[in-house]
Amino acid sequence: MTYYVDDEKIGQKSIQYRTQASESKEIDLLIHSLGIIIKVGRYFPIILLSLASLNILMAANDFLADSLIFATLNSIFALSGFISVVQMRQRSQVHPNKYSPSYNKLTGDLS
């Protein structure tokens, strides 16, 4: 299937069109990028925890080097990272993604 663009938008003599193959490439790219986002999202708490730990180490180094501004900044980043991890943990306990044993996945009924 070919989609033609109006002549008013691109000029009188040129004709641009998009083929269905280019749309399938765009859809394939979208599916691939969503897969990457899902993989990163699955390990996001671990990534955030490691970055917060790295900020703690950088803050300790900055305190030892008498750089109080950067030490304070890294301490704030580390604290906010740990708070975010705790909030994600609490949210996963309140809203678990588990089905009850009586849930039928095919029909969606609780029986």
PDB file of N, CA and C in Angstrom:
ATOM      1  N   MET A   1       0.845  -1.165   0.000  1.00  0.00           N
ATOM      2  CA  MET A   1       0.000   0.000   0.000  1.00  0.00           C
ATOM      3  C   MET A   1       0.888   1.225   0.000  1.00  0.00           C
ATOM      4  N   THR A   2       0.532   2.212  -0.778  1.00  0.00           N
ATOM      5  CA  THR A   2       1.319   3.427  -0.921  1.00  0.00           C
ATOM      6  C   THR A   2       0.462   4.622  -0.539  1.00  0.00           C
ATOM      7  N   TYR A   3       1.072   5.516   0.254  1.00  0.00           N
ATOM      8  CA  TYR A   3       0.390   6.734   0.667  1.00  0.00           C
ATOM      9  C   TYR A   3       1.046   7.909  -0.041  1.00  0.00           C
ATOM     10  N   TYR A   4       0.251   8.710  -0.695  1.00  0.00           N
ATOM     11  CA  TYR A   4       0.763   9.874  -1.408  1.00  0.00           C
ATOM     12  C   TYR A   4       0.532  11.124  -0.575  1.00  0.00           C
ATOM     13  N   VAL A   5       1.468  12.061  -0.673  1.00  0.00           N
ATOM     14  CA  VAL A   5       1.381  13.319   0.046  1.00  0.00           C
ATOM     15  C   VAL A   5       0.807  14.356  -0.903  1.00  0.00           C
ATOM     16  N   ASP A   6       0.015  15.290  -0.384  1.00  0.00           N
ATOM     17  CA  ASP A   6      -0.573  16.335  -1.206  1.00  0.00           C
ATOM     18  C   ASP A   6       0.502  17.183  -1.873  1.00  0.00           C
ATOM     19  N   ASP A   7       0.188  17.660  -3.102  1.00  0.00           N
ATOM     20  CA  ASP A   7       1.133  18.502  -3.832  1.00  0.00           C
ATOM     21  C   ASP A   7       1.332  19.855  -3.160  1.00  0.00           C
ATOM     22  N   GLU A   8       0.347  20.304  -2.390  1.00  0.00           N
ATOM     23  CA  GLU A   8       0.462  21.597  -1.734  1.00  0.00           C
ATOM     24  C   GLU A   8       1.577  21.593  -0.698  1.00  0.00           C
ATOM     25  N   LYS A   9       1.815  20.456  -0.067  1.00  0.00           N
ATOM     26  CA  LYS A   9       2.808  20.391   0.995  1.00  0.00           C
ATOM     27  C   LYS A   9       4.230  20.279   0.463  1.00  0.00           C
ATOM     28  N   ILE A  10       4.422  19.624  -0.677  1.00  0.00           N
ATOM     29  CA  ILE A  10       5.783  19.360  -1.137  1.00  0.00           C
ATOM     30  C   ILE A  10       6.119  20.007  -2.468  1.00  0.00           C
ATOM     31  N   GLY A  11       5.196  20.632  -3.136  1.00  0.00           N
ATOM     32  CA  GLY A  11       5.470  21.272  -4.419  1.00  0.00           C
ATOM     33  C   GLY A  11       4.776  20.553  -5.560  1.00  0.00           C
ATOM     34  N   GLN A  12       4.760  21.192  -6.704  1.00  0.00           N
ATOM     35  CA  GLN A  12       4.021  20.671  -7.856  1.00  0.00           C
ATOM     36  C   GLN A  12       4.707  19.481  -8.523  1.00  0.00           C
ATOM     37  N   LYS A  13       6.026  19.500  -8.659  1.00  0.00           N
ATOM     38  CA  LYS A  13       6.698  18.508  -9.500  1.00  0.00           C
ATOM     39  C   LYS A  13       7.214  17.288  -8.741  1.00  0.00           C
ATOM     40  N   SER A  14       7.384  17.395  -7.437  1.00  0.00           N
ATOM     41  CA  SER A  14       7.937  16.263  -6.696  1.00  0.00           C
ATOM     42  C   SER A  14       6.807  15.449  -6.074  1.00  0.00           C
ATOM     43  N   ILE A  15       6.963  14.152  -6.081  1.00  0.00           N
ATOM     44  CA  ILE A  15       5.980  13.245  -5.479  1.00  0.00           C
ATOM     45  C   ILE A  15       6.721  12.388  -4.460  1.00  0.00           C
ATOM     46  N   GLN A  16       6.269  12.464  -3.212  1.00  0.00           N
ATOM     47  CA  GLN A  16       6.834  11.625  -2.157  1.00  0.00           C
ATOM     48  C   GLN A  16       5.792  10.615  -1.745  1.00  0.00           C
ATOM     49  N   TYR A  17       6.249   9.436  -1.413  1.00  0.00           N
ATOM     50  CA  TYR A  17       5.338   8.409  -0.933  1.00  0.00           C
ATOM     51  C   TYR A  17       6.054   7.543   0.088  1.00  0.00           C
ATOM     52  N   ARG A  18       5.275   6.942   0.921  1.00  0.00           N
ATOM     53  CA  ARG A  18       5.793   6.031   1.933  1.00  0.00           C
ATOM     54  C   ARG A  18       5.290   4.641   1.610  1.00  0.00           C
ATOM     55  N   THR A  19       6.184   3.712   1.584  1.00  0.00           N
ATOM     56  CA  THR A  19       5.791   2.345   1.305  1.00  0.00           C
ATOM     57  C   THR A  19       5.452   1.626   2.592  1.00  0.00           C
ATOM     58  N   GLN A  20       4.814   0.500   2.461  1.00  0.00           N
ATOM     59  CA  GLN A  20       4.437  -0.284   3.627  1.00  0.00           C
ATOM     60  C   GLN A  20       5.673  -0.897   4.276  1.00  0.00           C
ATOM     61  N   ALA A  21       6.732  -1.106   3.492  1.00  0.00           N
ATOM     62  CA  ALA A  21       7.958  -1.662   4.050  1.00  0.00           C
ATOM     63  C   ALA A  21       8.580  -0.707   5.061  1.00  0.00           C
ATOM     64  N   SER A  22       8.553   0.593   4.776  1.00  0.00           N
ATOM     65  CA  SER A  22       9.131   1.537   5.735  1.00  0.00           C
ATOM     66  C   SER A  22       8.300   1.593   7.014  1.00  0.00           C
ATOM     67  N   GLU A  23       6.987   1.428   6.902  1.00  0.00           N
ATOM     68  CA  GLU A  23       6.153   1.397   8.102  1.00  0.00           C
ATOM     69  C   GLU A  23       6.436   0.160   8.932  1.00  0.00           C
ATOM     70  N   SER A  24       6.682  -0.974   8.288  1.00  0.00           N
ATOM     71  CA  SER A  24       6.992  -2.179   9.047  1.00  0.00           C
ATOM     72  C   SER A  24       8.348  -2.057   9.730  1.00  0.00           C
ATOM     73  N   LYS A  25       9.282  -1.326   9.127  1.00  0.00           N
ATOM     74  CA  LYS A  25      10.564  -1.088   9.776  1.00  0.00           C
ATOM     75  C   LYS A  25      10.394  -0.208  11.009  1.00  0.00           C
ATOM     76  N   GLU A  26       9.509   0.776  10.899  1.00  0.00           N
ATOM     77  CA  GLU A  26       9.241   1.647  12.045  1.00  0.00           C
ATOM     78  C   GLU A  26       8.598   0.866  13.180  1.00  0.00           C
ATOM     79  N   ILE A  27       7.677  -0.019  12.849  1.00  0.00           N
ATOM     80  CA  ILE A  27       7.019  -0.842  13.868  1.00  0.00           C
ATOM     81  C   ILE A  27       8.032  -1.788  14.497  1.00  0.00           C
ATOM     82  N   ASP A  28       8.917  -2.358  13.679  1.00  0.00           N
ATOM     83  CA  ASP A  28       9.954  -3.239  14.195  1.00  0.00           C
ATOM     84  C   ASP A  28      10.886  -2.487  15.135  1.00  0.00           C
ATOM     85  N   LEU A  29      11.242  -1.252  14.782  1.00  0.00           N
ATOM     86  CA  LEU A  29      12.081  -0.429  15.644  1.00  0.00           C
ATOM     87  C   LEU A  29      11.366  -0.107  16.951  1.00  0.00           C
ATOM     88  N   LEU A  30      10.084   0.181  16.885  1.00  0.00           N
ATOM     89  CA  LEU A  30       9.306   0.460  18.090  1.00  0.00           C
ATOM     90  C   LEU A  30       9.252  -0.761  19.005  1.00  0.00           C
ATOM     91  N   ILE A  31       9.023  -1.935  18.437  1.00  0.00           N
ATOM     92  CA  ILE A  31       8.972  -3.152  19.246  1.00  0.00           C
ATOM     93  C   ILE A  31      10.326  -3.433  19.875  1.00  0.00           C
ATOM     94  N   HIS A  32      11.394  -3.230  19.126  1.00  0.00           N
ATOM     95  CA  HIS A  32      12.738  -3.451  19.655  1.00  0.00           C
ATOM     96  C   HIS A  32      13.043  -2.485  20.804  1.00  0.00           C
ATOM     97  N   SER A  33      12.690  -1.217  20.634  1.00  0.00           N
ATOM     98  CA  SER A  33      12.952  -0.237  21.695  1.00  0.00           C
ATOM     99  C   SER A  33      12.094  -0.498  22.922  1.00  0.00           C
ATOM    100  N   LEU A  34      10.863  -0.967  22.744  1.00  0.00           N
ATOM    101  CA  LEU A  34      10.043  -1.325  23.904  1.00  0.00           C
ATOM    102  C   LEU A  34      10.632  -2.514  24.653  1.00  0.00           C
ATOM    103  N   GLY A  35      11.220  -3.453  23.935  1.00  0.00           N
ATOM    104  CA  GLY A  35      11.888  -4.578  24.589  1.00  0.00           C
ATOM    105  C   GLY A  35      13.050  -4.128  25.440  1.00  0.00           C
ATOM    106  N   ILE A  36      13.819  -3.165  24.934  1.00  0.00           N
ATOM    107  CA  ILE A  36      14.943  -2.628  25.706  1.00  0.00           C
ATOM    108  C   ILE A  36      14.436  -1.891  26.940  1.00  0.00           C
ATOM    109  N   ILE A  37      13.366  -1.127  26.789  1.00  0.00           N
ATOM    110  CA  ILE A  37      12.798  -0.390  27.926  1.00  0.00           C
ATOM    111  C   ILE A  37      12.295  -1.351  28.996  1.00  0.00           C
ATOM    112  N   ILE A  38      11.684  -2.445  28.587  1.00  0.00           N
ATOM    113  CA  ILE A  38      11.185  -3.430  29.552  1.00  0.00           C
ATOM    114  C   ILE A  38      12.344  -4.087  30.297  1.00  0.00           C
ATOM    115  N   LYS A  39      13.428  -4.416  29.576  1.00  0.00           N
ATOM    116  CA  LYS A  39      14.582  -5.033  30.234  1.00  0.00           C
ATOM    117  C   LYS A  39      15.227  -4.086  31.231  1.00  0.00           C
ATOM    118  N   VAL A  40      15.366  -2.809  30.855  1.00  0.00           N
ATOM    119  CA  VAL A  40      15.956  -1.834  31.774  1.00  0.00           C
ATOM    120  C   VAL A  40      15.036  -1.609  32.969  1.00  0.00           C
ATOM    121  N   GLY A  41      13.734  -1.535  32.722  1.00  0.00           N
ATOM    122  CA  GLY A  41      12.774  -1.317  33.802  1.00  0.00           C
ATOM    123  C   GLY A  41      12.738  -2.443  34.805  1.00  0.00           C
ATOM    124  N   ARG A  42      13.011  -3.654  34.339  1.00  0.00           N
ATOM    125  CA  ARG A  42      13.003  -4.807  35.239  1.00  0.00           C
ATOM    126  C   ARG A  42      14.132  -4.697  36.257  1.00  0.00           C
ATOM    127  N   TYR A  43      15.281  -4.169  35.832  1.00  0.00           N
ATOM    128  CA  TYR A  43      16.440  -4.064  36.717  1.00  0.00           C
ATOM    129  C   TYR A  43      16.657  -2.644  37.226  1.00  0.00           C
ATOM    130  N   PHE A  44      15.653  -1.788  37.107  1.00  0.00           N
ATOM    131  CA  PHE A  44      15.803  -0.385  37.503  1.00  0.00           C
ATOM    132  C   PHE A  44      16.111  -0.208  38.988  1.00  0.00           C
ATOM    133  N   PRO A  45      15.464  -0.932  39.911  1.00  0.00           N
ATOM    134  CA  PRO A  45      15.836  -0.756  41.323  1.00  0.00           C
ATOM    135  C   PRO A  45      17.291  -1.118  41.613  1.00  0.00           C
ATOM    136  N   ILE A  46      17.803  -2.146  40.947  1.00  0.00           N
ATOM    137  CA  ILE A  46      19.201  -2.538  41.159  1.00  0.00           C
ATOM    138  C   ILE A  46      20.136  -1.467  40.601  1.00  0.00           C
ATOM    139  N   ILE A  47      19.791  -0.935  39.442  1.00  0.00           N
ATOM    140  CA  ILE A  47      20.599   0.133  38.844  1.00  0.00           C
ATOM    141  C   ILE A  47      20.600   1.367  39.741  1.00  0.00           C
ATOM    142  N   LEU A  48      19.422   1.729  40.244  1.00  0.00           N
ATOM    143  CA  LEU A  48      19.305   2.898  41.101  1.00  0.00           C
ATOM    144  C   LEU A  48      20.051   2.702  42.411  1.00  0.00           C
ATOM    145  N   LEU A  49      19.992   1.505  42.959  1.00  0.00           N
ATOM    146  CA  LEU A  49      20.703   1.213  44.202  1.00  0.00           C
ATOM    147  C   LEU A  49      22.217   1.277  44.004  1.00  0.00           C
ATOM    148  N   SER A  50      22.693   0.785  42.881  1.00  0.00           N
ATOM    149  CA  SER A  50      24.139   0.844  42.628  1.00  0.00           C
ATOM    150  C   SER A  50      24.606   2.285  42.410  1.00  0.00           C
ATOM    151  N   LEU A  51      23.799   3.100  41.733  1.00  0.00           N
ATOM    152  CA  LEU A  51      24.178   4.507  41.550  1.00  0.00           C
ATOM    153  C   LEU A  51      24.156   5.273  42.866  1.00  0.00           C
ATOM    154  N   ALA A  52      23.198   4.961  43.740  1.00  0.00           N
ATOM    155  CA  ALA A  52      23.155   5.613  45.049  1.00  0.00           C
ATOM    156  C   ALA A  52      24.363   5.203  45.888  1.00  0.00           C
ATOM    157  N   SER A  53      24.758   3.942  45.789  1.00  0.00           N
ATOM    158  CA  SER A  53      25.951   3.486  46.519  1.00  0.00           C
ATOM    159  C   SER A  53      27.209   4.166  45.985  1.00  0.00           C
ATOM    160  N   LEU A  54      27.269   4.345  44.678  1.00  0.00           N
ATOM    161  CA  LEU A  54      28.404   5.052  44.088  1.00  0.00           C
ATOM    162  C   LEU A  54      28.451   6.503  44.572  1.00  0.00           C
ATOM    163  N   ASN A  55      27.287   7.127  44.729  1.00  0.00           N
ATOM    164  CA  ASN A  55      27.244   8.492  45.249  1.00  0.00           C
ATOM    165  C   ASN A  55      27.710   8.556  46.698  1.00  0.00           C
ATOM    166  N   ILE A  56      27.413   7.518  47.477  1.00  0.00           N
ATOM    167  CA  ILE A  56      27.906   7.476  48.865  1.00  0.00           C
ATOM    168  C   ILE A  56      29.438   7.431  48.871  1.00  0.00           C
ATOM    169  N   LEU A  57      30.006   6.587  47.990  1.00  0.00           N
ATOM    170  CA  LEU A  57      31.467   6.502  47.922  1.00  0.00           C
ATOM    171  C   LEU A  57      32.079   7.825  47.463  1.00  0.00           C
ATOM    172  N   MET A  58      31.450   8.467  46.498  1.00  0.00           N
ATOM    173  CA  MET A  58      31.958   9.756  46.026  1.00  0.00           C
ATOM    174  C   MET A  58      31.823  10.825  47.104  1.00  0.00           C
ATOM    175  N   ALA A  59      30.747  10.773  47.875  1.00  0.00           N
ATOM    176  CA  ALA A  59      30.576  11.744  48.963  1.00  0.00           C
ATOM    177  C   ALA A  59      31.640  11.542  50.034  1.00  0.00           C
ATOM    178  N   ALA A  60      31.932  10.276  50.365  1.00  0.00           N
ATOM    179  CA  ALA A  60      32.973  10.010  51.362  1.00  0.00           C
ATOM    180  C   ALA A  60      34.330  10.503  50.860  1.00  0.00           C
ATOM    181  N   ASN A  61      34.605  10.286  49.591  1.00  0.00           N
ATOM    182  CA  ASN A  61      35.867  10.773  49.022  1.00  0.00           C
ATOM    183  C   ASN A  61      35.929  12.303  49.048  1.00  0.00           C
ATOM    184  N   ASP A  62      34.811  12.945  48.735  1.00  0.00           N
ATOM    185  CA  ASP A  62      34.802  14.404  48.729  1.00  0.00           C
ATOM    186  C   ASP A  62      34.930  14.976  50.140  1.00  0.00           C
ATOM    187  N   PHE A  63      34.346  14.297  51.142  1.00  0.00           N
ATOM    188  CA  PHE A  63      34.525  14.756  52.529  1.00  0.00           C
ATOM    189  C   PHE A  63      35.988  14.638  52.944  1.00  0.00           C
ATOM    190  N   LEU A  64      36.640  13.539  52.521  1.00  0.00           N
ATOM    191  CA  LEU A  64      38.051  13.371  52.870  1.00  0.00           C
ATOM    192  C   LEU A  64      38.942  14.364  52.132  1.00  0.00           C
ATOM    193  N   ALA A  65      38.514  14.799  50.953  1.00  0.00           N
ATOM    194  CA  ALA A  65      39.300  15.761  50.175  1.00  0.00           C
ATOM    195  C   ALA A  65      38.933  17.199  50.512  1.00  0.00           C
ATOM    196  N   ASP A  66      38.117  17.418  51.518  1.00  0.00           N
ATOM    197  CA  ASP A  66      37.675  18.743  51.973  1.00  0.00           C
ATOM    198  C   ASP A  66      36.941  19.521  50.892  1.00  0.00           C
ATOM    199  N   SER A  67      36.177  18.828  50.081  1.00  0.00           N
ATOM    200  CA  SER A  67      35.330  19.476  49.084  1.00  0.00           C
ATOM    201  C   SER A  67      33.885  19.342  49.559  1.00  0.00           C
ATOM    202  N   LEU A  68      33.488  20.255  50.424  1.00  0.00           N
ATOM    203  CA  LEU A  68      32.209  20.124  51.112  1.00  0.00           C
ATOM    204  C   LEU A  68      31.010  20.319  50.184  1.00  0.00           C
ATOM    205  N   ILE A  69      31.144  21.135  49.166  1.00  0.00           N
ATOM    206  CA  ILE A  69      30.012  21.382  48.256  1.00  0.00           C
ATOM    207  C   ILE A  69      29.669  20.121  47.480  1.00  0.00           C
ATOM    208  N   PHE A  70      30.684  19.480  46.885  1.00  0.00           N
ATOM    209  CA  PHE A  70      30.433  18.259  46.125  1.00  0.00           C
ATOM    210  C   PHE A  70      30.050  17.092  47.035  1.00  0.00           C
ATOM    211  N   ALA A  71      30.613  17.079  48.241  1.00  0.00           N
ATOM    212  CA  ALA A  71      30.259  16.030  49.197  1.00  0.00           C
ATOM    213  C   ALA A  71      28.786  16.141  49.590  1.00  0.00           C
ATOM    214  N   THR A  72      28.329  17.350  49.818  1.00  0.00           N
ATOM    215  CA  THR A  72      26.922  17.562  50.162  1.00  0.00           C
ATOM    216  C   THR A  72      26.017  17.208  48.990  1.00  0.00           C
ATOM    217  N   LEU A  73      26.411  17.596  47.803  1.00  0.00           N
ATOM    218  CA  LEU A  73      25.628  17.287  46.614  1.00  0.00           C
ATOM    219  C   LEU A  73      25.524  15.777  46.386  1.00  0.00           C
ATOM    220  N   ASN A  74      26.643  15.066  46.506  1.00  0.00           N
ATOM    221  CA  ASN A  74      26.613  13.612  46.345  1.00  0.00           C
ATOM    222  C   ASN A  74      25.820  12.938  47.463  1.00  0.00           C
ATOM    223  N   SER A  75      25.855  13.495  48.660  1.00  0.00           N
ATOM    224  CA  SER A  75      25.061  12.939  49.758  1.00  0.00           C
ATOM    225  C   SER A  75      23.569  13.092  49.481  1.00  0.00           C
ATOM    226  N   ILE A  76      23.181  14.239  48.937  1.00  0.00           N
ATOM    227  CA  ILE A  76      21.770  14.462  48.593  1.00  0.00           C
ATOM    228  C   ILE A  76      21.326  13.505  47.496  1.00  0.00           C
ATOM    229  N   PHE A  77      22.179  13.307  46.476  1.00  0.00           N
ATOM    230  CA  PHE A  77      21.843  12.365  45.404  1.00  0.00           C
ATOM    231  C   PHE A  77      21.713  10.943  45.941  1.00  0.00           C
ATOM    232  N   ALA A  78      22.620  10.555  46.832  1.00  0.00           N
ATOM    233  CA  ALA A  78      22.565   9.209  47.400  1.00  0.00           C
ATOM    234  C   ALA A  78      21.311   9.027  48.246  1.00  0.00           C
ATOM    235  N   LEU A  79      20.981  10.013  49.045  1.00  0.00           N
ATOM    236  CA  LEU A  79      19.793   9.929  49.883  1.00  0.00           C
ATOM    237  C   LEU A  79      18.530   9.834  49.041  1.00  0.00           C
ATOM    238  N   SER A  80      18.450  10.630  47.982  1.00  0.00           N
ATOM    239  CA  SER A  80      17.267  10.562  47.124  1.00  0.00           C
ATOM    240  C   SER A  80      17.196   9.228  46.384  1.00  0.00           C
ATOM    241  N   GLY A  81      18.325   8.647  46.024  1.00  0.00           N
ATOM    242  CA  GLY A  81      18.330   7.332  45.388  1.00  0.00           C
ATOM    243  C   GLY A  81      17.839   6.249  46.325  1.00  0.00           C
ATOM    244  N   PHE A  82      18.294   6.278  47.572  1.00  0.00           N
ATOM    245  CA  PHE A  82      17.838   5.278  48.537  1.00  0.00           C
ATOM    246  C   PHE A  82      16.353   5.445  48.858  1.00  0.00           C
ATOM    247  N   ILE A  83      15.893   6.688  48.945  1.00  0.00           N
ATOM    248  CA  ILE A  83      14.461   6.927  49.191  1.00  0.00           C
ATOM    249  C   ILE A  83      13.632   6.396  48.022  1.00  0.00           C
ATOM    250  N   SER A  84      14.107   6.588  46.795  1.00  0.00           N
ATOM    251  CA  SER A  84      13.380   6.087  45.624  1.00  0.00           C
ATOM    252  C   SER A  84      13.301   4.565  45.615  1.00  0.00           C
ATOM    253  N   VAL A  85      14.389   3.910  45.997  1.00  0.00           N
ATOM    254  CA  VAL A  85      14.387   2.444  46.049  1.00  0.00           C
ATOM    255  C   VAL A  85      13.406   1.946  47.106  1.00  0.00           C
ATOM    256  N   VAL A  86      13.379   2.605  48.256  1.00  0.00           N
ATOM    257  CA  VAL A  86      12.443   2.211  49.321  1.00  0.00           C
ATOM    258  C   VAL A  86      11.004   2.419  48.866  1.00  0.00           C
ATOM    259  N   GLN A  87      10.725   3.523  48.188  1.00  0.00           N
ATOM    260  CA  GLN A  87       9.369   3.771  47.705  1.00  0.00           C
ATOM    261  C   GLN A  87       8.954   2.757  46.657  1.00  0.00           C
ATOM    262  N   MET A  88       9.875   2.357  45.770  1.00  0.00           N
ATOM    263  CA  MET A  88       9.544   1.327  44.776  1.00  0.00           C
ATOM    264  C   MET A  88       9.273   0.000  45.456  1.00  0.00           C
ATOM    265  N   ARG A  89      10.033  -0.306  46.492  1.00  0.00           N
ATOM    266  CA  ARG A  89       9.833  -1.560  47.234  1.00  0.00           C
ATOM    267  C   ARG A  89       8.472  -1.554  47.932  1.00  0.00           C
ATOM    268  N   GLN A  90       8.102  -0.430  48.543  1.00  0.00           N
ATOM    269  CA  GLN A  90       6.803  -0.348  49.210  1.00  0.00           C
ATOM    270  C   GLN A  90       5.664  -0.437  48.216  1.00  0.00           C
ATOM    271  N   ARG A  91       5.814   0.169  47.052  1.00  0.00           N
ATOM    272  CA  ARG A  91       4.768   0.118  46.042  1.00  0.00           C
ATOM    273  C   ARG A  91       4.580  -1.301  45.512  1.00  0.00           C
ATOM    274  N   SER A  92       5.681  -2.042  45.357  1.00  0.00           N
ATOM    275  CA  SER A  92       5.552  -3.407  44.860  1.00  0.00           C
ATOM    276  C   SER A  92       4.902  -4.312  45.898  1.00  0.00           C
ATOM    277  N   GLN A  93       5.018  -3.976  47.178  1.00  0.00           N
ATOM    278  CA  GLN A  93       4.347  -4.769  48.210  1.00  0.00           C
ATOM    279  C   GLN A  93       2.865  -4.442  48.276  1.00  0.00           C
ATOM    280  N   VAL A  94       2.489  -3.198  47.988  1.00  0.00           N
ATOM    281  CA  VAL A  94       1.089  -2.802  48.035  1.00  0.00           C
ATOM    282  C   VAL A  94       0.354  -3.308  46.803  1.00  0.00           C
ATOM    283  N   HIS A  95       0.985  -3.219  45.624  1.00  0.00           N
ATOM    284  CA  HIS A  95       0.370  -3.632  44.364  1.00  0.00           C
ATOM    285  C   HIS A  95       1.161  -4.774  43.741  1.00  0.00           C
ATOM    286  N   PRO A  96       1.023  -5.993  44.273  1.00  0.00           N
ATOM    287  CA  PRO A  96       1.789  -7.097  43.676  1.00  0.00           C
ATOM    288  C   PRO A  96       1.223  -7.476  42.311  1.00  0.00           C
ATOM    289  N   ASN A  97       2.085  -7.956  41.441  1.00  0.00           N
ATOM    290  CA  ASN A  97       1.671  -8.361  40.102  1.00  0.00           C
ATOM    291  C   ASN A  97       1.464  -9.864  40.038  1.00  0.00           C
ATOM    292  N   LYS A  98       0.797 -10.422  41.023  1.00  0.00           N
ATOM    293  CA  LYS A  98       0.566 -11.862  41.059  1.00  0.00           C
ATOM    294  C   LYS A  98      -0.920 -12.127  40.891  1.00  0.00           C
ATOM    295  N   TYR A  99      -1.201 -13.236  40.261  1.00  0.00           N
ATOM    296  CA  TYR A  99      -2.581 -13.650  40.099  1.00  0.00           C
ATOM    297  C   TYR A  99      -2.977 -14.544  41.268  1.00  0.00           C
ATOM    298  N   SER A 100      -4.243 -14.507  41.601  1.00  0.00           N
ATOM    299  CA  SER A 100      -4.718 -15.424  42.622  1.00  0.00           C
ATOM    300  C   SER A 100      -4.784 -16.832  42.033  1.00  0.00           C
ATOM    301  N   PRO A 101      -4.736 -17.873  42.865  1.00  0.00           N
ATOM    302  CA  PRO A 101      -4.734 -19.230  42.325  1.00  0.00           C
ATOM    303  C   PRO A 101      -6.011 -19.579  41.563  1.00  0.00           C
ATOM    304  N   SER A 102      -7.098 -18.885  41.848  1.00  0.00           N
ATOM    305  CA  SER A 102      -8.352 -19.203  41.185  1.00  0.00           C
ATOM    306  C   SER A 102      -8.570 -18.360  39.933  1.00  0.00           C
ATOM    307  N   TYR A 103      -7.587 -17.560  39.532  1.00  0.00           N
ATOM    308  CA  TYR A 103      -7.736 -16.704  38.369  1.00  0.00           C
ATOM    309  C   TYR A 103      -7.516 -17.521  37.093  1.00  0.00           C
ATOM    310  N   ASN A 104      -8.482 -17.442  36.158  1.00  0.00           N
ATOM    311  CA  ASN A 104      -8.358 -18.118  34.887  1.00  0.00           C
ATOM    312  C   ASN A 104      -7.840 -17.116  33.865  1.00  0.00           C
ATOM    313  N   LYS A 105      -6.637 -17.329  33.341  1.00  0.00           N
ATOM    314  CA  LYS A 105      -6.016 -16.383  32.426  1.00  0.00           C
ATOM    315  C   LYS A 105      -6.722 -16.312  31.092  1.00  0.00           C
ATOM    316  N   LEU A 106      -7.359 -17.387  30.688  1.00  0.00           N
ATOM    317  CA  LEU A 106      -8.006 -17.403  29.371  1.00  0.00           C
ATOM    318  C   LEU A 106      -9.309 -16.616  29.369  1.00  0.00           C
ATOM    319  N   THR A 107     -10.109 -16.768  30.401  1.00  0.00           N
ATOM    320  CA  THR A 107     -11.397 -16.092  30.426  1.00  0.00           C
ATOM    321  C   THR A 107     -11.399 -14.827  31.259  1.00  0.00           C
ATOM    322  N   GLY A 108     -10.427 -14.694  32.171  1.00  0.00           N
ATOM    323  CA  GLY A 108     -10.381 -13.518  33.033  1.00  0.00           C
ATOM    324  C   GLY A 108     -11.344 -13.590  34.197  1.00  0.00           C
ATOM    325  N   ASP A 109     -11.887 -14.759  34.473  1.00  0.00           N
ATOM    326  CA  ASP A 109     -12.872 -14.914  35.544  1.00  0.00           C
ATOM    327  C   ASP A 109     -12.190 -15.429  36.804  1.00  0.00           C
ATOM    328  N   LEU A 110     -12.716 -14.992  37.917  1.00  0.00           N
ATOM    329  CA  LEU A 110     -12.317 -15.553  39.199  1.00  0.00           C
ATOM    330  C   LEU A 110     -13.324 -16.643  39.545  1.00  0.00           C
ATOM    331  N   SER A 111     -12.861 -17.852  39.636  1.00  0.00           N
ATOM    332  CA  SER A 111     -13.804 -18.935  39.960  1.00  0.00           C
ATOM    333  C   SER A 111     -13.269 -19.817  41.057  1.00  0.00           C
TER     334      SER A 111
END
